[in-house]
Amino acid sequence: MPPRPQQRADDSDRAHGRGARRLPHRHSGGPDPGCSDEAAARAVAEGRIVQGRLHRRRRQAALGRLTPVEFETVMTTPALQAA
């Protein structure tokens, strides 16, 4: 059997994963395990803003063109609203 060619540690997927586990932050799997995951964190934060603010105000076709807040207000009984 011929000898295996030498491979640098950072060329190997397994070595890449091991290096990422030693870092204090979670790595998204990009080419450099040493760089921070700021872009991924920013994308998650923007998604939360959209879901928390914009989605609650957007009129939904499935809810009879009401916003989710308006739909909840219409569908809850007065007894539940008073509680």
N, C-alpha and C. Protein backbone atom coordinates (compact mmCIF):
# COMPACT_ATOMS: atom_id res chain seq x y z
N MET A 1 0.85 -1.17 0.00
CA MET A 1 0.00 0.00 0.00
C MET A 1 0.90 1.24 0.00
N PRO A 2 0.65 2.20 -0.90
CA PRO A 2 1.50 3.40 -0.95
C PRO A 2 1.26 4.29 0.27
N PRO A 3 2.27 5.03 0.68
CA PRO A 3 2.08 5.92 1.83
C PRO A 3 1.07 7.02 1.50
N ARG A 4 0.32 7.43 2.50
CA ARG A 4 -0.67 8.49 2.32
C ARG A 4 0.04 9.83 2.19
N PRO A 5 -0.42 10.68 1.30
CA PRO A 5 0.20 12.01 1.20
C PRO A 5 -0.06 12.80 2.48
N GLN A 6 0.93 13.58 2.87
CA GLN A 6 0.73 14.38 4.08
C GLN A 6 -0.27 15.48 3.80
N GLN A 7 -1.09 15.75 4.80
CA GLN A 7 -2.13 16.75 4.65
C GLN A 7 -2.01 17.73 5.81
N ARG A 8 -2.08 18.99 5.50
CA ARG A 8 -2.02 19.99 6.56
C ARG A 8 -3.26 19.88 7.43
N ALA A 9 -3.13 20.18 8.71
CA ALA A 9 -4.25 20.02 9.65
C ALA A 9 -5.43 20.91 9.27
N ASP A 10 -5.18 22.13 8.79
CA ASP A 10 -6.29 23.02 8.48
C ASP A 10 -6.97 22.66 7.16
N ASP A 11 -6.41 21.72 6.39
CA ASP A 11 -7.08 21.27 5.17
C ASP A 11 -8.11 20.19 5.46
N SER A 12 -8.04 19.59 6.60
CA SER A 12 -8.92 18.48 6.94
C SER A 12 -10.19 18.99 7.61
N ASP A 13 -11.34 18.47 7.22
CA ASP A 13 -12.61 18.87 7.84
C ASP A 13 -12.62 18.52 9.32
N ARG A 14 -12.08 17.36 9.65
CA ARG A 14 -12.07 16.96 11.06
C ARG A 14 -11.19 17.89 11.88
N ALA A 15 -10.04 18.24 11.36
CA ALA A 15 -9.16 19.15 12.08
C ALA A 15 -9.81 20.52 12.20
N HIS A 16 -10.53 20.91 11.19
CA HIS A 16 -11.24 22.19 11.21
C HIS A 16 -12.26 22.20 12.34
N GLY A 17 -13.00 21.11 12.47
CA GLY A 17 -14.00 21.01 13.54
C GLY A 17 -13.36 21.00 14.91
N ARG A 18 -12.24 20.31 15.06
CA ARG A 18 -11.56 20.28 16.36
C ARG A 18 -11.07 21.67 16.74
N GLY A 19 -10.56 22.41 15.76
CA GLY A 19 -10.10 23.75 16.05
C GLY A 19 -11.24 24.67 16.45
N ALA A 20 -12.38 24.48 15.83
CA ALA A 20 -13.53 25.32 16.14
C ALA A 20 -14.05 25.04 17.54
N ARG A 21 -13.95 23.78 18.00
CA ARG A 21 -14.45 23.44 19.34
C ARG A 21 -13.63 24.10 20.43
N ARG A 22 -12.38 24.42 20.17
CA ARG A 22 -11.54 25.04 21.18
C ARG A 22 -11.83 26.53 21.34
N LEU A 23 -12.56 27.11 20.43
CA LEU A 23 -12.82 28.55 20.47
C LEU A 23 -13.95 28.86 21.45
N PRO A 24 -13.96 30.07 22.02
CA PRO A 24 -15.01 30.42 22.98
C PRO A 24 -16.38 30.65 22.33
N HIS A 25 -16.45 30.83 21.04
CA HIS A 25 -17.73 31.05 20.35
C HIS A 25 -18.00 29.88 19.41
N ARG A 26 -19.23 29.76 18.97
CA ARG A 26 -19.59 28.67 18.06
C ARG A 26 -19.27 29.10 16.63
N HIS A 27 -18.64 28.24 15.90
CA HIS A 27 -18.22 28.53 14.53
C HIS A 27 -19.27 28.04 13.55
N SER A 28 -19.58 28.83 12.54
CA SER A 28 -20.63 28.47 11.59
C SER A 28 -20.15 27.54 10.48
N GLY A 29 -18.88 27.26 10.40
CA GLY A 29 -18.37 26.34 9.39
C GLY A 29 -17.72 27.03 8.21
N GLY A 30 -17.37 28.29 8.35
CA GLY A 30 -16.70 29.01 7.28
C GLY A 30 -15.26 28.54 7.12
N PRO A 31 -14.52 29.15 6.21
CA PRO A 31 -13.18 28.67 5.92
C PRO A 31 -12.16 28.92 7.03
N ASP A 32 -12.37 29.89 7.88
CA ASP A 32 -11.38 30.22 8.90
C ASP A 32 -11.99 30.05 10.29
N PRO A 33 -11.60 29.02 11.04
CA PRO A 33 -12.19 28.82 12.36
C PRO A 33 -11.76 29.88 13.36
N GLY A 34 -10.79 30.71 13.01
CA GLY A 34 -10.32 31.73 13.93
C GLY A 34 -11.13 33.02 13.89
N CYS A 35 -11.91 33.23 12.84
CA CYS A 35 -12.66 34.48 12.76
C CYS A 35 -13.97 34.36 13.53
N SER A 36 -14.45 35.47 14.03
CA SER A 36 -15.66 35.43 14.86
C SER A 36 -16.89 35.24 14.00
N ASP A 37 -17.97 34.89 14.63
CA ASP A 37 -19.21 34.60 13.94
C ASP A 37 -20.15 35.81 13.99
N GLU A 38 -19.59 36.98 13.84
CA GLU A 38 -20.38 38.20 13.98
C GLU A 38 -21.49 38.30 12.94
N ALA A 39 -21.22 37.90 11.72
CA ALA A 39 -22.24 37.98 10.66
C ALA A 39 -23.42 37.07 10.97
N ALA A 40 -23.16 35.88 11.47
CA ALA A 40 -24.24 34.96 11.82
C ALA A 40 -25.05 35.51 12.98
N ALA A 41 -24.38 36.07 13.98
CA ALA A 41 -25.09 36.65 15.12
C ALA A 41 -25.94 37.83 14.68
N ARG A 42 -25.42 38.63 13.76
CA ARG A 42 -26.17 39.78 13.26
C ARG A 42 -27.41 39.31 12.49
N ALA A 43 -27.28 38.24 11.71
CA ALA A 43 -28.42 37.72 10.95
C ALA A 43 -29.51 37.21 11.89
N VAL A 44 -29.12 36.56 12.98
CA VAL A 44 -30.10 36.08 13.95
C VAL A 44 -30.80 37.26 14.61
N ALA A 45 -30.05 38.28 14.97
CA ALA A 45 -30.65 39.46 15.60
C ALA A 45 -31.62 40.15 14.66
N GLU A 46 -31.27 40.26 13.38
CA GLU A 46 -32.18 40.88 12.42
C GLU A 46 -33.44 40.05 12.25
N GLY A 47 -33.31 38.73 12.27
CA GLY A 47 -34.48 37.87 12.18
C GLY A 47 -35.42 38.05 13.35
N ARG A 48 -34.85 38.22 14.54
CA ARG A 48 -35.68 38.46 15.73
C ARG A 48 -36.40 39.80 15.62
N ILE A 49 -35.74 40.81 15.08
CA ILE A 49 -36.39 42.11 14.91
C ILE A 49 -37.57 41.98 13.96
N VAL A 50 -37.36 41.29 12.85
CA VAL A 50 -38.44 41.12 11.87
C VAL A 50 -39.60 40.37 12.50
N GLN A 51 -39.33 39.28 13.19
CA GLN A 51 -40.40 38.49 13.80
C GLN A 51 -41.08 39.26 14.93
N GLY A 52 -40.30 40.00 15.70
CA GLY A 52 -40.85 40.69 16.86
C GLY A 52 -41.61 41.96 16.53
N ARG A 53 -41.18 42.69 15.52
CA ARG A 53 -41.81 43.98 15.22
C ARG A 53 -42.63 43.94 13.95
N LEU A 54 -41.98 43.67 12.85
CA LEU A 54 -42.63 43.75 11.55
C LEU A 54 -43.73 42.71 11.39
N HIS A 55 -43.45 41.47 11.75
CA HIS A 55 -44.43 40.40 11.55
C HIS A 55 -45.70 40.65 12.36
N ARG A 56 -45.55 41.20 13.56
CA ARG A 56 -46.73 41.44 14.41
C ARG A 56 -47.62 42.55 13.84
N ARG A 57 -47.06 43.44 13.01
CA ARG A 57 -47.85 44.54 12.44
C ARG A 57 -48.34 44.26 11.03
N ARG A 58 -47.77 43.23 10.37
CA ARG A 58 -48.13 42.94 8.99
C ARG A 58 -49.47 42.23 8.94
N ARG A 59 -50.33 42.65 8.04
CA ARG A 59 -51.64 42.01 7.89
C ARG A 59 -51.45 40.65 7.22
N GLN A 60 -52.07 39.63 7.79
CA GLN A 60 -51.91 38.26 7.33
C GLN A 60 -53.15 37.82 6.56
N ALA A 61 -52.96 37.30 5.35
CA ALA A 61 -54.08 36.82 4.54
C ALA A 61 -54.80 35.67 5.23
N ALA A 62 -54.08 34.80 5.88
CA ALA A 62 -54.69 33.64 6.55
C ALA A 62 -55.52 34.05 7.76
N LEU A 63 -55.32 35.26 8.27
CA LEU A 63 -56.07 35.73 9.44
C LEU A 63 -57.14 36.73 9.05
N GLY A 64 -57.58 36.71 7.81
CA GLY A 64 -58.63 37.62 7.37
C GLY A 64 -58.16 39.06 7.27
N ARG A 65 -56.92 39.25 6.82
CA ARG A 65 -56.29 40.57 6.65
C ARG A 65 -56.17 41.33 7.97
N LEU A 66 -56.07 40.61 9.08
CA LEU A 66 -55.83 41.23 10.38
C LEU A 66 -54.37 41.01 10.77
N THR A 67 -53.86 41.88 11.62
CA THR A 67 -52.53 41.63 12.17
C THR A 67 -52.67 40.52 13.21
N PRO A 68 -51.60 39.83 13.57
CA PRO A 68 -51.71 38.80 14.60
C PRO A 68 -52.26 39.33 15.92
N VAL A 69 -51.89 40.55 16.30
CA VAL A 69 -52.39 41.13 17.54
C VAL A 69 -53.89 41.39 17.44
N GLU A 70 -54.35 41.94 16.30
CA GLU A 70 -55.79 42.17 16.11
C GLU A 70 -56.56 40.85 16.12
N PHE A 71 -56.00 39.83 15.48
CA PHE A 71 -56.66 38.53 15.43
C PHE A 71 -56.81 37.94 16.83
N GLU A 72 -55.77 38.02 17.65
CA GLU A 72 -55.85 37.52 19.02
C GLU A 72 -56.89 38.29 19.82
N THR A 73 -56.96 39.60 19.61
CA THR A 73 -57.94 40.41 20.33
C THR A 73 -59.36 40.02 19.95
N VAL A 74 -59.61 39.81 18.67
CA VAL A 74 -60.95 39.44 18.20
C VAL A 74 -61.32 38.04 18.67
N MET A 75 -60.38 37.11 18.65
CA MET A 75 -60.69 35.71 18.93
C MET A 75 -60.76 35.37 20.41
N THR A 76 -60.16 36.17 21.28
CA THR A 76 -60.25 35.86 22.71
C THR A 76 -61.56 36.36 23.27
N THR A 77 -62.09 35.63 24.23
CA THR A 77 -63.38 36.01 24.84
C THR A 77 -63.16 37.16 25.81
N PRO A 78 -64.20 37.94 26.08
CA PRO A 78 -64.05 39.05 27.03
C PRO A 78 -63.62 38.58 28.42
N ALA A 79 -64.04 37.39 28.84
CA ALA A 79 -63.64 36.88 30.15
C ALA A 79 -62.13 36.64 30.21
N LEU A 80 -61.56 36.14 29.12
CA LEU A 80 -60.12 35.92 29.09
C LEU A 80 -59.35 37.24 29.03
N GLN A 81 -59.92 38.24 28.35
CA GLN A 81 -59.25 39.53 28.26
C GLN A 81 -59.22 40.22 29.61
N ALA A 82 -60.28 40.04 30.44
CA ALA A 82 -60.34 40.68 31.75
C ALA A 82 -59.37 40.04 32.74
N ALA A 83 -59.03 38.80 32.53
CA ALA A 83 -58.17 38.08 33.49
C ALA A 83 -56.75 38.48 33.42
